[in-house]
Structure formats: structure tokens, C-alpha cells
Amino acid sequence: MTRPARLAVGVVSAGRVGSVLGAALARAGHPVVAASGVSDASVRRAERLLSGVPLLPPDEVVARADLVLLALPDDVLGPMVSGLANAGVFRVGQIVVHTCGAYGIEVLRPAVEAGALPLALHPVMTFTGAPEDLQRLDSCTIGVTAADGDEAAWNVGEALTMEMSAEPVRIPEPARPLYHASLAHGANHLATLVSDCVELLRRNGVSDPERLLAPLLSASLDNALRHGDRALTGPVSRGDTGTVRTHLRVLAEHAPELRPAYTALARRTAARASEAGLLGSDGAAEITDLLDDGREGQ
């Protein structure tokens, strides 16, 4: 794939994502000419990952850049793009990239109207803002979105991704919201689920719950990714209503705040197990009836 020319990069802002991706682009030979960052954490992060890069207001950062990297929270992105467009800092031929998973390129329309090339590059990983994140990019995928039918723009997005040592995956514009919902449902809710399990075990006298859970959960995740629904195990997928009834009872007594989540996930597990042929229709109906009977207590 043709390597993009050396581009002057401007990072708005030097948060966990922006500082790491800016450093990755610099590592690939694109000089970072300016960045924005006002919090103490952003300043320290820029000093660590973007050493020597001047910290300037966002409009000045954009004015200096050939490649603008907008690494902003979802709710801030749209207003920032509109404000920068009103300031007249976008220009013809400029590449404007944002990193939000929930949006495609439509949010960049004000920049496009000024003649910029829009790209959405969403790294599918969590960031700490530490130098180690640069190494983690090597095994990371990036969801790339460009204008429909503009193959040159898609190629630019993919080339930039590969220069950052990541793997590009094309995500069409209409798919972005559901794409992001899928990632958030998996990653964010998995973290919540694991933390709830750790807390519940510790609350009930298990001194090192993380050590207890790590092999089990690691194997479960690996099996699910490799084998899909064939990896389903446990009382719900087996139709063990007695065990599920006991779970509901002890959760109601000792952790009522967790029972609704358990019930919702058990209901979804029963449906998937039934669809996969792992749980017979009678067993699925018994489990579902049991879970539905407990709704009033939730």
C-alpha cells in the first residue's frame, strides 16, 4: 500500500488516545507540530509522549497541521468541529481524522465543506496514555471509515493505520453506531461483570478472588471467541432449573443489586443455547418461566 507523504500532524487534544496516536504517527515519520492540552494530566502526557511539541489552542493547532487528529470525547467532537470551521482554520487538502467509535465522517461535514478530507479511525483498544500503549497498537485493529465510493480516501485511512502498526478494518458509515454499541456492550459490560464477581466473592470471604477467576474467565473468553455458542456452559445452558433457582434466591438475599443483571444475562443465555441446539425447547421454557417468575422481586 502506498505510504502517505510526510504530514505535519496536529493533535487535538493530548488525552490518552491523542497522545499515543500522535506518538505513533511521529514514530512513522510524520512530525507532530502542535498539540492542545490544558489539564495537568494532558500536559504531563504530552511531555512524556510528544516531547518538544508546543501546546497551543485548538485553532492554532489545526492551522499548522496537514493532518488534524481530533481525539475528543463523543459529545465534544461535533461542537469542536463546528467551532473550528467557524474560525476558518480548515483548508483544502487537509486530512481531518477523528477517533470516536460512535461516529463516522458525517460529524466532520463542516471540515469537508472547507475542502478537507474526512476520516474516522477508531482504535479498538483501551488506552492508559502510557508509552506501553504504543506497543499495544501492534496487536490492535482500527475501525476505518471514509466517504462511500472514495477508494483513495479509504486507502489513506488504511495506510495511516498500518503506519501506526495497527490493522485496518473497514466500517461503513451506516454501521458505525451499531459497531460501537457492540464494542461497548462487550468491553465495558464485561469489565462491570467481572468487577461485580470479584466484589461478591471478596464480600463472602474469598481472599484472592482475582486469582480464582482469572483462569476461568480467560478460558471462557477464549472459547467464546473461538467456538461461539458451542462454548456455552453452566446451569442455564444445561437446563438445571434447581441450580438457577438457588442462584436467584441467594442473590436476592445477599446481593439484590446483582440479581437483575444475572436474570437478564441468564435469559439471553437460554435463548442462545436454545437457538444453538444445546438446550431443548422444554428446558428453555422451564428456565425462562423461572426467570420470568422472579421479575416482581427485582
Protein backbone atom coordinates (compact mmCIF):
# COMPACT_ATOMS: atom_id res chain seq x y z
CA MET A 1 0.00 0.00 0.00
CA THR A 2 1.34 3.42 -0.94
CA ARG A 3 2.80 5.25 2.02
CA PRO A 4 1.31 8.72 2.67
CA ALA A 5 3.72 11.62 2.27
CA ARG A 6 5.23 13.10 5.41
CA LEU A 7 2.45 15.09 7.04
CA ALA A 8 2.59 17.78 9.71
CA VAL A 9 0.35 16.41 12.46
CA GLY A 10 -1.72 18.49 14.87
CA VAL A 11 -3.25 16.72 17.87
CA VAL A 12 -6.48 17.99 19.46
CA SER A 13 -6.18 17.03 22.27
CA ALA A 14 -3.30 15.34 24.13
CA GLY A 15 -5.50 12.95 26.09
CA ARG A 16 -4.85 9.23 26.44
CA VAL A 17 -5.77 8.46 22.84
CA GLY A 18 -4.45 11.58 21.14
CA SER A 19 -1.03 11.50 22.77
CA VAL A 20 -0.47 7.83 21.93
CA LEU A 21 -1.67 8.07 18.32
CA GLY A 22 0.33 11.27 17.87
CA ALA A 23 3.41 9.42 19.11
CA ALA A 24 2.63 6.51 16.77
CA LEU A 25 2.40 8.86 13.79
CA ALA A 26 5.65 10.53 14.83
CA ARG A 27 7.28 7.11 15.07
CA ALA A 28 6.15 6.51 11.48
CA GLY A 29 7.86 9.69 10.32
CA HIS A 30 5.06 12.27 10.47
CA PRO A 31 6.23 15.18 12.65
CA VAL A 32 3.80 16.35 15.32
CA VAL A 33 3.94 20.14 15.01
CA ALA A 34 1.46 21.13 17.72
CA ALA A 35 -0.99 19.75 20.25
CA SER A 36 -3.63 21.11 22.59
CA GLY A 37 -3.98 20.23 26.24
CA VAL A 38 -4.91 22.23 29.29
CA SER A 39 -5.22 19.78 32.18
CA ASP A 40 -2.18 18.87 34.24
CA ALA A 41 -2.55 15.25 33.10
CA SER A 42 -2.58 16.26 29.42
CA VAL A 43 0.50 18.45 29.88
CA ARG A 44 2.41 15.63 31.60
CA ARG A 45 1.29 13.16 28.95
CA ALA A 46 2.42 15.46 26.14
CA GLU A 47 5.80 15.94 27.81
CA ARG A 48 6.20 12.17 28.02
CA LEU A 49 4.91 11.08 24.59
CA LEU A 50 5.12 14.25 22.46
CA SER A 51 8.36 15.67 23.77
CA GLY A 52 9.15 19.14 22.46
CA VAL A 53 5.75 19.62 20.81
CA PRO A 54 4.28 23.05 21.59
CA LEU A 55 0.91 23.12 23.37
CA LEU A 56 -1.38 25.64 21.67
CA PRO A 57 -5.09 26.48 21.46
CA PRO A 58 -7.02 24.09 19.16
CA ASP A 59 -7.47 26.62 16.34
CA GLU A 60 -3.72 27.25 16.19
CA VAL A 61 -3.03 23.51 16.23
CA VAL A 62 -5.34 22.96 13.26
CA ALA A 63 -3.91 25.91 11.34
CA ARG A 64 -0.41 24.39 11.49
CA ALA A 65 -1.38 20.84 10.51
CA ASP A 66 -1.67 18.86 7.30
CA LEU A 67 -3.20 16.01 9.29
CA VAL A 68 -5.55 17.04 12.11
CA LEU A 69 -6.12 14.35 14.75
CA LEU A 70 -9.26 15.08 16.76
CA ALA A 71 -9.02 12.76 19.77
CA LEU A 72 -12.01 14.09 21.70
CA PRO A 73 -14.92 12.71 23.74
CA ASP A 74 -18.02 11.87 21.69
CA ASP A 75 -20.12 14.77 22.96
CA VAL A 76 -17.33 17.30 22.42
CA LEU A 77 -16.42 16.33 18.86
CA GLY A 78 -19.33 17.90 16.97
CA PRO A 79 -19.21 21.29 18.69
CA MET A 80 -15.42 21.41 18.34
CA VAL A 81 -15.57 20.71 14.59
CA SER A 82 -18.23 23.40 14.12
CA GLY A 83 -16.24 25.90 16.19
CA LEU A 84 -13.04 25.26 14.26
CA ALA A 85 -14.91 25.58 10.96
CA ASN A 86 -16.39 28.91 12.08
CA ALA A 87 -12.85 30.05 12.92
CA GLY A 88 -11.86 29.31 9.32
CA VAL A 89 -8.88 27.09 10.15
CA PHE A 90 -9.75 24.07 8.00
CA ARG A 91 -8.42 24.21 4.45
CA VAL A 92 -8.48 22.43 1.12
CA GLY A 93 -6.38 19.27 1.05
CA GLN A 94 -6.12 18.94 4.82
CA ILE A 95 -6.78 15.48 6.28
CA VAL A 96 -9.09 15.61 9.30
CA VAL A 97 -9.29 12.46 11.40
CA HIS A 98 -11.38 11.76 14.49
CA THR A 99 -11.08 8.77 16.82
CA CYS A 100 -14.64 8.40 18.17
CA GLY A 101 -16.14 4.96 17.70
CA ALA A 102 -19.76 6.10 17.64
CA TYR A 103 -19.42 8.46 14.67
CA GLY A 104 -18.50 8.07 11.04
CA ILE A 105 -17.44 11.00 8.89
CA GLU A 106 -20.75 12.91 8.82
CA VAL A 107 -19.74 14.68 12.04
CA LEU A 108 -16.82 16.18 10.08
CA ARG A 109 -19.07 17.81 7.45
CA PRO A 110 -18.05 21.40 8.42
CA ALA A 111 -14.43 20.46 7.71
CA VAL A 112 -15.43 18.79 4.43
CA GLU A 113 -17.24 21.94 3.34
CA ALA A 114 -13.91 23.75 3.77
CA GLY A 115 -12.23 21.23 1.46
CA ALA A 116 -10.76 18.78 3.97
CA LEU A 117 -10.59 15.00 3.54
CA PRO A 118 -12.56 13.32 6.39
CA LEU A 119 -11.58 10.05 8.06
CA ALA A 120 -12.74 8.19 11.16
CA LEU A 121 -10.06 5.99 12.74
CA HIS A 122 -11.24 4.26 15.90
CA PRO A 123 -8.65 2.12 17.72
CA VAL A 124 -10.30 -0.98 19.19
CA MET A 125 -8.36 -0.98 22.45
CA THR A 126 -8.34 0.72 25.81
CA PHE A 127 -5.75 3.43 26.45
CA THR A 128 -3.84 4.31 29.59
CA GLY A 129 -1.86 7.11 27.96
CA ALA A 130 1.38 5.34 28.91
CA PRO A 131 4.23 4.59 26.48
CA GLU A 132 3.29 0.90 26.67
CA ASP A 133 0.21 1.72 24.60
CA LEU A 134 2.47 2.20 21.60
CA GLN A 135 3.45 -1.47 21.78
CA ARG A 136 -0.17 -2.50 22.26
CA LEU A 137 -1.03 -0.87 18.93
CA ASP A 138 0.94 -3.65 17.25
CA SER A 139 -1.86 -6.13 18.02
CA CYS A 140 -4.71 -3.64 17.70
CA THR A 141 -7.31 -3.17 14.97
CA ILE A 142 -8.61 0.24 13.92
CA GLY A 143 -12.09 0.75 12.52
CA VAL A 144 -11.67 2.87 9.39
CA THR A 145 -14.48 4.89 7.82
CA ALA A 146 -14.17 7.11 4.75
CA ALA A 147 -16.57 8.54 2.19
CA ASP A 148 -18.59 5.90 0.37
CA GLY A 149 -17.10 5.30 -3.07
CA ASP A 150 -13.93 7.30 -2.43
CA GLU A 151 -11.40 4.49 -2.66
CA ALA A 152 -8.47 6.89 -2.41
CA ALA A 153 -9.74 8.14 0.96
CA TRP A 154 -10.20 4.57 2.22
CA ASN A 155 -6.63 3.82 1.14
CA VAL A 156 -5.30 6.84 3.02
CA GLY A 157 -7.07 5.74 6.20
CA GLU A 158 -5.79 2.19 5.85
CA ALA A 159 -2.23 3.36 5.12
CA LEU A 160 -2.18 5.64 8.17
CA THR A 161 -3.48 2.78 10.29
CA MET A 162 -0.77 0.43 9.06
CA GLU A 163 1.88 3.08 9.64
CA MET A 164 0.78 3.15 13.27
CA SER A 165 1.42 -0.65 13.30
CA ALA A 166 -2.29 -1.47 13.63
CA GLU A 167 -4.59 -3.49 11.38
CA PRO A 168 -7.31 -1.59 9.45
CA VAL A 169 -10.89 -2.89 9.32
CA ARG A 170 -13.38 -1.10 7.07
CA ILE A 171 -16.55 0.03 8.86
CA PRO A 172 -19.19 1.56 6.53
CA GLU A 173 -20.74 4.84 7.70
CA PRO A 174 -24.23 3.38 8.41
CA ALA A 175 -22.70 0.63 10.54
CA ARG A 176 -20.80 2.91 12.94
CA PRO A 177 -23.44 3.28 15.69
CA LEU A 178 -24.13 -0.46 15.93
CA TYR A 179 -20.42 -1.23 15.59
CA HIS A 180 -19.69 0.98 18.58
CA ALA A 181 -22.64 -0.39 20.58
CA SER A 182 -21.30 -3.91 20.01
CA LEU A 183 -17.82 -2.98 21.24
CA ALA A 184 -19.14 -1.10 24.26
CA HIS A 185 -21.54 -3.92 25.16
CA GLY A 186 -18.70 -6.41 25.10
CA ALA A 187 -15.80 -4.49 26.62
CA ASN A 188 -17.50 -2.13 29.05
CA HIS A 189 -20.10 -4.53 30.35
CA LEU A 190 -17.54 -7.32 30.61
CA ALA A 191 -15.48 -5.12 32.93
CA THR A 192 -18.59 -4.41 35.02
CA LEU A 193 -19.49 -8.10 35.15
CA VAL A 194 -16.00 -9.15 36.24
CA SER A 195 -15.80 -6.43 38.89
CA ASP A 196 -19.18 -7.49 40.29
CA CYS A 197 -18.00 -11.10 40.51
CA VAL A 198 -14.77 -10.09 42.25
CA GLU A 199 -16.62 -7.94 44.75
CA LEU A 200 -19.21 -10.61 45.51
CA LEU A 201 -16.55 -13.25 46.15
CA ARG A 202 -14.48 -10.93 48.33
CA ARG A 203 -17.60 -9.92 50.29
CA ASN A 204 -18.20 -13.61 51.02
CA GLY A 205 -14.76 -14.39 52.39
CA VAL A 206 -12.68 -15.28 49.32
CA SER A 207 -9.32 -13.63 49.96
CA ASP A 208 -7.95 -13.59 46.39
CA PRO A 209 -10.92 -13.61 44.01
CA GLU A 210 -8.89 -12.35 41.04
CA ARG A 211 -6.65 -15.40 41.17
CA LEU A 212 -9.69 -17.64 41.43
CA LEU A 213 -11.45 -16.05 38.46
CA ALA A 214 -8.56 -15.41 36.06
CA PRO A 215 -8.15 -18.94 34.60
CA LEU A 216 -11.91 -19.49 34.38
CA LEU A 217 -12.75 -16.19 32.73
CA SER A 218 -9.73 -16.26 30.42
CA ALA A 219 -10.70 -19.73 29.19
CA SER A 220 -14.33 -18.70 28.82
CA LEU A 221 -13.43 -15.65 26.73
CA ASP A 222 -11.03 -17.64 24.56
CA ASN A 223 -13.57 -20.41 23.99
CA ALA A 224 -16.35 -17.95 23.16
CA LEU A 225 -14.19 -16.18 20.58
CA ARG A 226 -13.06 -19.47 19.07
CA HIS A 227 -16.24 -21.52 19.23
CA GLY A 228 -19.17 -19.14 19.64
CA ASP A 229 -22.29 -20.62 21.23
CA ARG A 230 -20.66 -24.07 21.41
CA ALA A 231 -18.62 -22.63 24.30
CA LEU A 232 -21.73 -22.08 26.44
CA THR A 233 -21.58 -23.98 29.72
CA GLY A 234 -23.22 -23.80 33.13
CA PRO A 235 -26.64 -24.44 34.64
CA VAL A 236 -28.65 -22.27 32.25
CA SER A 237 -27.33 -23.93 29.09
CA ARG A 238 -27.87 -27.36 30.73
CA GLY A 239 -31.40 -26.55 31.86
CA ASP A 240 -30.60 -27.04 35.57
CA THR A 241 -33.56 -25.12 36.96
CA GLY A 242 -32.84 -26.15 40.55
CA THR A 243 -29.41 -24.55 40.47
CA VAL A 244 -30.71 -21.41 38.77
CA ARG A 245 -33.48 -21.18 41.39
CA THR A 246 -30.84 -21.35 44.14
CA HIS A 247 -28.80 -18.63 42.44
CA LEU A 248 -31.82 -16.35 42.28
CA ARG A 249 -32.59 -16.97 45.96
CA VAL A 250 -29.09 -16.30 47.30
CA LEU A 251 -28.66 -13.25 45.11
CA ALA A 252 -31.97 -11.87 46.37
CA GLU A 253 -30.78 -12.40 49.94
CA HIS A 254 -27.16 -11.28 49.69
CA ALA A 255 -26.71 -9.22 46.52
CA PRO A 256 -30.07 -7.93 45.32
CA GLU A 257 -28.39 -5.27 43.21
CA LEU A 258 -26.87 -8.04 41.03
CA ARG A 259 -29.98 -10.14 40.56
CA PRO A 260 -31.48 -8.13 37.67
CA ALA A 261 -28.23 -8.42 35.69
CA TYR A 262 -27.99 -12.15 36.42
CA THR A 263 -31.59 -12.66 35.31
CA ALA A 264 -31.17 -10.67 32.10
CA LEU A 265 -27.99 -12.49 31.12
CA ALA A 266 -29.44 -15.88 32.06
CA ARG A 267 -32.48 -15.20 29.88
CA ARG A 268 -30.22 -14.25 26.96
CA THR A 269 -28.03 -17.33 27.58
CA ALA A 270 -31.08 -19.59 27.49
CA ALA A 271 -32.16 -18.08 24.19
CA ARG A 272 -28.73 -18.52 22.59
CA ALA A 273 -28.37 -22.06 23.95
CA SER A 274 -31.78 -22.95 22.54
CA GLU A 275 -31.02 -21.45 19.14
CA ALA A 276 -27.72 -23.35 19.03
CA GLY A 277 -29.42 -26.65 19.83
CA LEU A 278 -27.67 -27.01 23.18
CA LEU A 279 -30.84 -26.62 25.24
CA GLY A 280 -34.09 -28.32 24.30
CA SER A 281 -37.29 -26.33 23.91
CA ASP A 282 -38.75 -27.76 27.12
CA GLY A 283 -35.64 -26.90 29.11
CA ALA A 284 -35.52 -23.41 27.64
CA ALA A 285 -39.18 -22.87 28.52
CA GLU A 286 -38.62 -24.01 32.13
CA ILE A 287 -35.64 -21.71 32.57
CA THR A 288 -37.45 -18.78 31.01
CA ASP A 289 -40.54 -19.34 33.15
CA LEU A 290 -38.39 -19.47 36.27
CA LEU A 291 -36.64 -16.23 35.34
CA ASP A 292 -39.92 -14.55 34.45
CA ASP A 293 -41.46 -15.58 37.78
CA GLY A 294 -38.73 -13.68 39.57
CA ARG A 295 -39.36 -10.39 37.85
CA GLU A 296 -41.57 -8.96 40.57
CA GLY A 297 -38.81 -9.46 43.13
CA GLN A 298 -36.40 -7.40 41.07
